[in-house]
Protein backbone atom coordinates (compact mmCIF):
# COMPACT_ATOMS: atom_id res chain seq x y z
CA UNK A 1 12.88 16.12 4.66
CA UNK A 2 9.23 16.46 3.00
CA UNK A 3 9.24 12.61 1.63
CA UNK A 4 6.85 11.86 -1.68
CA UNK A 5 6.99 8.15 -1.20
CA UNK A 6 6.98 6.91 -5.08
CA UNK A 7 5.38 9.96 -6.47
CA UNK A 8 6.76 12.32 -8.27
CA UNK A 9 5.21 15.95 -7.68
CA UNK A 10 4.10 18.80 -10.39
CA UNK A 11 5.98 22.22 -9.44
CA UNK A 12 4.32 25.01 -8.04
CA UNK A 13 2.31 22.27 -5.36
CA UNK A 14 4.28 23.72 -2.32
CA UNK A 15 5.98 20.22 -2.33
CA UNK A 16 9.63 19.33 -2.85
CA UNK A 17 9.95 17.57 -5.80
CA UNK A 18 12.54 15.08 -6.18
CA UNK A 19 14.36 14.57 -9.27
CA UNK A 20 12.24 12.22 -11.54
CA UNK A 21 13.89 9.24 -13.86
CA UNK A 22 13.75 8.48 -17.09
CA UNK A 23 13.93 4.92 -19.48
CA UNK A 24 17.78 5.11 -20.95
CA UNK A 25 19.39 2.71 -23.06
CA UNK A 26 20.17 0.59 -20.10
CA UNK A 27 16.58 0.05 -19.18
CA UNK A 28 15.32 -1.19 -22.29
CA UNK A 29 14.73 -4.86 -23.13
CA UNK A 30 15.59 -7.15 -25.87
CA UNK A 31 13.05 -9.11 -27.20
CA UNK A 32 13.16 -12.62 -25.89
CA UNK A 33 14.10 -15.55 -28.86
CA UNK A 34 11.99 -17.99 -29.36
CA UNK A 35 13.92 -20.73 -31.30
CA UNK A 36 14.96 -22.76 -28.44
CA UNK A 37 12.60 -23.90 -25.67
CA UNK A 38 8.52 -23.40 -25.66
CA UNK A 39 6.98 -20.10 -26.20
CA UNK A 40 5.45 -20.57 -22.84
CA UNK A 41 9.06 -20.23 -21.00
CA UNK A 42 10.40 -17.22 -23.20
CA UNK A 43 7.92 -14.38 -22.54
CA UNK A 44 6.63 -12.98 -19.70
CA UNK A 45 3.02 -12.94 -20.54
CA UNK A 46 2.92 -16.30 -20.99
CA UNK A 47 4.98 -17.58 -18.17
CA UNK A 48 2.54 -19.23 -15.78
CA UNK A 49 1.08 -17.26 -13.63
CA UNK A 50 0.31 -17.51 -9.86
CA UNK A 51 -2.97 -18.52 -10.66
CA UNK A 52 -1.84 -21.93 -12.51
CA UNK A 53 1.28 -22.49 -10.04
CA UNK A 54 -0.39 -23.67 -6.94
CA UNK A 55 1.91 -21.97 -4.92
CA UNK A 56 0.44 -21.77 -1.17
CA UNK A 57 -1.16 -19.11 0.05
CA UNK A 58 -0.03 -15.85 1.60
CA UNK A 59 -0.09 -15.63 5.54
CA UNK A 60 1.37 -13.23 8.13
CA UNK A 61 3.64 -13.87 10.84
CA UNK A 62 2.14 -12.20 13.85
CA UNK A 63 5.45 -13.46 16.22
CA UNK A 64 8.81 -10.97 15.89
CA UNK A 65 11.35 -12.08 13.73
CA UNK A 66 14.49 -13.03 14.83
CA UNK A 67 16.79 -10.11 15.21
CA UNK A 68 18.74 -9.19 12.15
CA UNK A 69 22.28 -10.47 12.20
CA UNK A 70 25.29 -10.17 9.52
CA UNK A 71 24.79 -11.71 6.02
CA UNK A 72 26.39 -15.26 6.19
CA UNK A 73 26.49 -14.62 2.11
CA UNK A 74 29.25 -12.19 1.22
CA UNK A 75 30.62 -13.39 -1.97
CA UNK A 76 29.05 -14.74 -5.30
CA UNK A 77 28.06 -18.51 -5.54
CA UNK A 78 27.64 -21.22 -7.72
CA UNK A 79 23.50 -21.04 -8.65
CA UNK A 80 24.28 -24.98 -9.91
CA UNK A 81 25.78 -25.59 -6.07
CA UNK A 82 23.48 -23.77 -4.39
CA UNK A 83 20.65 -25.54 -6.24
CA UNK A 84 21.75 -28.82 -6.04
CA UNK A 85 22.77 -28.61 -1.80
CA UNK A 86 19.04 -27.89 -2.17
CA UNK A 87 17.68 -30.05 -4.13
CA UNK A 88 15.58 -27.90 -6.22
CA UNK A 89 17.15 -29.22 -10.14
CA UNK A 90 19.22 -27.07 -11.70
CA UNK A 91 19.52 -24.02 -14.57
CA UNK A 92 18.44 -24.41 -17.99
CA UNK A 93 19.99 -22.66 -20.93
CA UNK A 94 16.92 -20.22 -22.64
CA UNK A 95 18.14 -17.95 -25.16
CA UNK A 96 21.83 -17.57 -26.85
CA UNK A 97 22.90 -14.38 -28.57
CA UNK A 98 24.00 -11.15 -27.01
CA UNK A 99 21.63 -11.72 -24.21
CA UNK A 100 21.71 -15.11 -22.11
CA UNK A 101 18.82 -16.33 -20.40
CA UNK A 102 18.67 -19.42 -17.75
CA UNK A 103 15.78 -20.67 -15.81
CA UNK A 104 14.77 -23.08 -13.18
CA UNK A 105 11.71 -24.93 -12.67
CA UNK A 106 11.02 -24.99 -8.92
CA UNK A 107 8.52 -26.54 -7.13
CA UNK A 108 5.88 -23.39 -6.56
CA UNK A 109 7.19 -21.11 -9.57
CA UNK A 110 9.35 -20.38 -13.44
CA UNK A 111 12.59 -18.45 -12.38
CA UNK A 112 14.10 -16.98 -15.39
CA UNK A 113 17.46 -15.30 -14.81
CA UNK A 114 19.36 -13.18 -17.31
CA UNK A 115 23.47 -12.87 -16.99
CA UNK A 116 24.12 -9.16 -16.76
CA UNK A 117 20.83 -7.93 -15.85
CA UNK A 118 19.17 -7.01 -12.31
CA UNK A 119 15.76 -7.90 -13.63
CA UNK A 120 14.50 -11.82 -13.23
CA UNK A 121 11.24 -13.17 -13.45
CA UNK A 122 9.41 -14.81 -11.07
CA UNK A 123 6.31 -16.93 -11.87
CA UNK A 124 5.54 -14.68 -14.73
CA UNK A 125 6.43 -11.05 -12.86
CA UNK A 126 9.77 -9.15 -12.95
CA UNK A 127 11.66 -8.69 -9.86
CA UNK A 128 14.76 -6.90 -9.31
CA UNK A 129 17.79 -8.41 -8.13
CA UNK A 130 20.69 -6.49 -5.94
CA UNK A 131 23.17 -7.66 -8.40
CA UNK A 132 23.22 -9.02 -12.12
CA UNK A 133 24.54 -12.80 -12.63
CA UNK A 134 27.76 -13.41 -13.91
CA UNK A 135 29.65 -16.43 -15.63
CA UNK A 136 32.47 -17.02 -13.82
CA UNK A 137 34.89 -20.21 -15.12
CA UNK A 138 32.01 -21.45 -17.54
CA UNK A 139 29.48 -21.76 -14.18
CA UNK A 140 26.44 -19.27 -12.99
CA UNK A 141 27.18 -17.12 -10.15
CA UNK A 142 25.00 -15.42 -8.37
CA UNK A 143 25.33 -12.81 -5.80
CA UNK A 144 25.01 -13.85 -2.06
CA UNK A 145 22.67 -11.53 -1.17
CA UNK A 146 20.44 -12.49 -4.01
CA UNK A 147 20.16 -15.58 -3.03
CA UNK A 148 19.35 -14.96 1.10
CA UNK A 149 17.19 -12.11 0.38
CA UNK A 150 15.31 -13.08 -3.16
CA UNK A 151 15.59 -16.35 -4.05
CA UNK A 152 15.48 -18.26 -0.72
CA UNK A 153 12.39 -16.72 0.22
CA UNK A 154 10.41 -17.06 -3.05
CA UNK A 155 12.03 -20.67 -3.95
CA UNK A 156 12.80 -22.04 -0.50
CA UNK A 157 11.14 -20.04 2.32
CA UNK A 158 8.25 -21.05 4.19
CA UNK A 159 5.26 -18.91 3.98
CA UNK A 160 4.39 -16.31 6.65
CA UNK A 161 2.20 -17.37 9.08
CA UNK A 162 -0.06 -15.01 11.33
CA UNK A 163 -2.56 -15.55 14.58
CA UNK A 164 -6.42 -15.11 14.34
CA UNK A 165 -6.11 -11.39 15.52
CA UNK A 166 -5.10 -10.20 12.01
CA UNK A 167 -4.60 -6.34 11.97
CA UNK A 168 -3.55 -4.77 9.04
CA UNK A 169 -2.49 -0.90 8.33
CA UNK A 170 -3.58 0.68 5.06
CA UNK A 171 -1.47 4.44 4.43
CA UNK A 172 -3.23 5.99 1.68
CA UNK A 173 -0.33 8.20 0.24
CA UNK A 174 -0.13 11.90 0.91
CA UNK A 175 -2.69 14.22 2.38
CA UNK A 176 -3.66 17.83 3.34
CA UNK A 177 -0.84 20.27 1.84
CA UNK A 178 0.66 16.97 0.69
CA UNK A 179 -1.41 16.18 -2.82
CA UNK A 180 1.12 14.23 -4.38
CA UNK A 181 1.53 14.17 -7.98
CA UNK A 182 -1.09 15.85 -10.07
CA UNK A 183 -3.26 13.85 -12.62
CA UNK A 184 -2.86 14.85 -16.59
CA UNK A 185 -6.06 14.29 -17.28
CA UNK A 186 -8.02 16.41 -14.61
CA UNK A 187 -5.49 18.22 -12.63
CA UNK A 188 -6.97 16.50 -9.73
CA UNK A 189 -4.10 15.34 -6.87
CA UNK A 190 -3.01 12.15 -5.85
CA UNK A 191 -4.41 12.26 -2.47
CA UNK A 192 -7.86 11.97 -3.37
CA UNK A 193 -7.32 8.95 -5.44
CA UNK A 194 -5.40 6.85 -2.81
CA UNK A 195 -8.07 7.88 0.23
CA UNK A 196 -10.79 6.70 -2.18
CA UNK A 197 -8.58 3.42 -2.91
CA UNK A 198 -8.35 3.01 1.05
CA UNK A 199 -11.97 3.50 1.70
CA UNK A 200 -12.95 0.67 -0.87
CA UNK A 201 -10.00 -1.56 0.25
CA UNK A 202 -11.53 -1.56 4.19
CA UNK A 203 -14.57 -3.02 4.22
CA UNK A 204 -13.24 -6.00 1.67
CA UNK A 205 -10.30 -6.93 3.99
CA UNK A 206 -12.82 -6.69 7.23
CA UNK A 207 -14.93 -9.56 5.22
CA UNK A 208 -11.91 -11.74 4.96
CA UNK A 209 -11.51 -11.27 8.78
CA UNK A 210 -8.38 -8.61 9.17
CA UNK A 211 -9.04 -5.53 11.19
CA UNK A 212 -8.46 -2.55 9.01
CA UNK A 213 -6.91 1.02 10.20
CA UNK A 214 -6.65 3.93 8.05
CA UNK A 215 -3.50 6.18 8.97
CA UNK A 216 -5.43 9.03 7.40
CA UNK A 217 -9.40 8.81 6.90
CA UNK A 218 -9.61 12.71 5.64
CA UNK A 219 -7.86 15.09 3.84
CA UNK A 220 -5.16 14.97 6.47
CA UNK A 221 -1.45 15.82 6.27
CA UNK A 222 -0.47 13.41 8.20
CA UNK A 223 4.04 12.97 9.13
CA UNK A 224 5.47 9.36 8.03
CA UNK A 225 7.17 9.14 11.27
CA UNK A 226 2.81 9.34 12.52
CA UNK A 227 2.27 7.14 9.99
CA UNK A 228 5.09 4.29 11.20
CA UNK A 229 3.67 5.37 14.93
CA UNK A 230 0.48 4.59 14.27
CA UNK A 231 1.34 0.86 12.78
CA UNK A 232 3.15 0.19 16.09
CA UNK A 233 0.60 1.40 18.23
CA UNK A 234 -1.94 -1.15 16.58
CA UNK A 235 0.43 -4.02 16.91
CA UNK A 236 0.73 -3.84 13.16
CA UNK A 237 0.77 -7.54 10.99
CA UNK A 238 1.03 -6.02 7.77
CA UNK A 239 1.46 -2.29 6.53
CA UNK A 240 0.56 -1.30 2.88
CA UNK A 241 1.05 2.27 1.31
CA UNK A 242 -1.28 3.10 -1.73
CA UNK A 243 0.20 5.79 -4.11
CA UNK A 244 -0.44 6.51 -7.71
CA UNK A 245 3.14 7.33 -10.03
CA UNK A 246 4.31 10.22 -12.03
CA UNK A 247 7.13 10.85 -14.65
CA UNK A 248 6.58 14.18 -15.38
CA UNK A 249 6.80 15.49 -18.06
CA UNK A 250 7.33 12.23 -19.83
CA UNK A 251 3.92 11.26 -20.45
CA UNK A 252 4.67 7.96 -21.45
CA UNK A 253 5.61 5.59 -19.10
CA UNK A 254 3.08 3.53 -17.69
CA UNK A 255 2.38 0.77 -15.39
CA UNK A 256 2.96 -0.79 -11.92
CA UNK A 257 5.23 -0.94 -9.48
CA UNK A 258 5.46 -2.69 -5.90
CA UNK A 259 8.37 -1.94 -3.77
CA UNK A 260 9.70 -2.84 -0.25
CA UNK A 261 13.07 -1.86 1.63
CA UNK A 262 16.14 -2.62 0.16
CA UNK A 263 18.05 -4.95 2.37
CA UNK A 264 21.45 -4.57 4.03
CA UNK A 265 24.67 -4.73 1.77
CA UNK A 266 22.45 -4.29 -1.59
CA UNK A 267 21.64 -1.41 -3.81
CA UNK A 268 18.44 -0.04 -4.51
CA UNK A 269 16.65 -0.24 -7.66
CA UNK A 270 15.54 3.48 -7.15
CA UNK A 271 17.16 6.25 -5.50
CA UNK A 272 16.01 9.50 -7.27
CA UNK A 273 18.77 11.26 -6.38
CA UNK A 274 18.92 10.63 -2.65
CA UNK A 275 21.62 8.83 -1.12
CA UNK A 276 21.93 5.12 -0.98
CA UNK A 277 24.11 3.71 1.87
CA UNK A 278 24.42 0.06 1.54
CA UNK A 279 25.35 -0.57 5.02
CA UNK A 280 22.54 1.61 6.72
CA UNK A 281 20.38 -0.52 8.91
CA UNK A 282 16.23 -0.01 9.45
CA UNK A 283 13.97 -1.65 11.94
CA UNK A 284 12.05 -2.59 9.11
CA UNK A 285 15.01 -4.67 7.61
CA UNK A 286 14.22 -7.49 10.14
CA UNK A 287 11.10 -7.93 7.78
CA UNK A 288 13.35 -8.84 4.56
CA UNK A 289 11.98 -11.91 3.84
CA UNK A 290 8.55 -10.65 4.80
CA UNK A 291 8.40 -8.07 2.61
CA UNK A 292 9.57 -9.50 -0.38
CA UNK A 293 6.70 -12.53 -0.08
CA UNK A 294 3.91 -9.41 0.95
CA UNK A 295 5.12 -7.47 -2.42
CA UNK A 296 5.46 -10.45 -4.36
CA UNK A 297 1.48 -11.62 -3.94
CA UNK A 298 -0.20 -8.01 -4.11
CA UNK A 299 2.06 -7.57 -7.24
CA UNK A 300 0.71 -10.29 -8.99
CA UNK A 301 -2.67 -9.71 -7.84
CA UNK A 302 -2.70 -6.45 -8.97
CA UNK A 303 -0.76 -7.27 -12.17
CA UNK A 304 -4.05 -9.40 -13.57
CA UNK A 305 -7.06 -7.37 -12.02
CA UNK A 306 -5.48 -4.03 -13.71
CA UNK A 307 -3.81 -5.27 -16.68
CA UNK A 308 -1.16 -2.86 -16.40
CA UNK A 309 2.18 -2.68 -17.53
CA UNK A 310 4.37 -5.20 -15.15
CA UNK A 311 7.52 -2.46 -14.09
CA UNK A 312 8.65 -5.03 -11.18
CA UNK A 313 8.56 -5.50 -7.65
CA UNK A 314 11.50 -3.02 -6.62
CA UNK A 315 13.59 -2.10 -3.78
CA UNK A 316 14.05 1.39 -2.05
CA UNK A 317 15.78 3.02 0.55
CA UNK A 318 14.40 6.60 0.63
CA UNK A 319 10.99 5.96 1.30
CA UNK A 320 10.17 6.71 4.61
CA UNK A 321 7.21 4.73 5.36
CA UNK A 322 8.85 1.85 4.95
CA UNK A 323 12.06 2.05 7.33
CA UNK A 324 9.97 1.29 10.50
CA UNK A 325 6.71 -0.66 10.61
CA UNK A 326 6.95 -3.78 12.92
CA UNK A 327 6.05 -5.98 10.66
CA UNK A 328 6.09 -7.05 6.58
CA UNK A 329 5.34 -3.50 4.20
CA UNK A 330 5.05 -2.57 0.91
CA UNK A 331 4.44 0.70 -1.10
CA UNK A 332 2.25 0.15 -4.18
CA UNK A 333 2.03 2.37 -7.21
CA UNK A 334 -0.92 2.10 -9.03
CA UNK A 335 -0.69 3.09 -11.89
CA UNK A 336 1.19 6.55 -13.71
CA UNK A 337 -0.84 9.96 -13.13
CA UNK A 338 1.22 11.21 -15.50
CA UNK A 339 0.02 9.14 -18.60
CA UNK A 340 -3.21 10.25 -19.96
CA UNK A 341 -4.39 6.72 -20.84
CA UNK A 342 -3.83 5.61 -16.94
CA UNK A 343 -4.94 8.66 -15.34
CA UNK A 344 -8.68 8.20 -17.10
CA UNK A 345 -8.51 4.60 -15.55
CA UNK A 346 -7.46 6.03 -12.29
CA UNK A 347 -9.85 8.57 -12.43
CA UNK A 348 -12.63 5.76 -12.67
CA UNK A 349 -14.18 4.34 -9.41
CA UNK A 350 -14.37 1.16 -10.75
CA UNK A 351 -11.45 0.84 -11.84
CA UNK A 352 -10.41 1.94 -8.13
CA UNK A 353 -12.57 -0.66 -6.90
CA UNK A 354 -10.69 -3.29 -9.13
CA UNK A 355 -7.53 -2.61 -7.48
CA UNK A 356 -9.27 -2.64 -4.24
CA UNK A 357 -11.03 -6.26 -4.98
CA UNK A 358 -7.38 -7.12 -6.32
CA UNK A 359 -5.58 -6.27 -2.79
CA UNK A 360 -8.58 -7.90 -0.74
CA UNK A 361 -8.07 -11.32 -2.35
CA UNK A 362 -4.52 -11.43 -2.50
CA UNK A 363 -5.02 -11.14 1.61
CA UNK A 364 -8.28 -13.83 1.53
């Protein structure tokens, strides 16, 4: 199956185009009320950011993780009971009315949960849960898999660690006959922008002590399996796939998305019409914790550097380059080439340099 990562493709490009998605009423986000708590707690724009939360720096673990075991959390859990057991405080009511939100001030960040919504806010950015929190007998319940795979890594999990020989694989999306999506501005293919982004990023990471390898250094069509094999051959500590997005023919959608592999037992955020088998296990699921931590770190840095709309840290199974890397792996969608305003920014070398600097600074 020919795979297009997170990017759509224009008809006539010679590639198979998975079905695009469009906003629905269920995607609409109601405005956050401002009558119960300070504005600081009410909007993602004004929530504390990474720069103001004093979070620990990202590091990457080079030793293999433990073998994936069945999730211990198979049912819903009272969030208050879980928080009390871990001595991290309690959820406080944020708003009333048709939507109800609660927030938790943890040591390393602010978490906002909304009853009935899979979208949460962590340290000012959007993250996507597997299941929407519910109220049962007057208590807030969160699915056990969300505790284990989302909240524990962010609130309680130790940072990733690595040795002295830090190896990162940069994967410029597409190449050769697989051009990716096409810019609505100048008809240039995505493959050109992703390769330029990777080339700009490589020397910046090397300045921070990383050994950097690109899955492609020119306009070549590289099989997805070969990109993963490349990471294995180079004993990668991190794998970062670089892409730009499309919602064509919709020209309105914009913003940044960062993807990591969906944990076993959890529904994906995005399927693009592909089957989403919750029980399916991929080799990279061994790195669920590191995947999320890496995605959050990079997504936050890119948001602050680009000023783009926050479309969240998301989960997907159909993205082939996320299935098998032997290390934490993410796929970044750096903006929409189907949106004229964003396509103009992406066409700018200065903007692509800004994206490269953001990723490099996040991995100092």
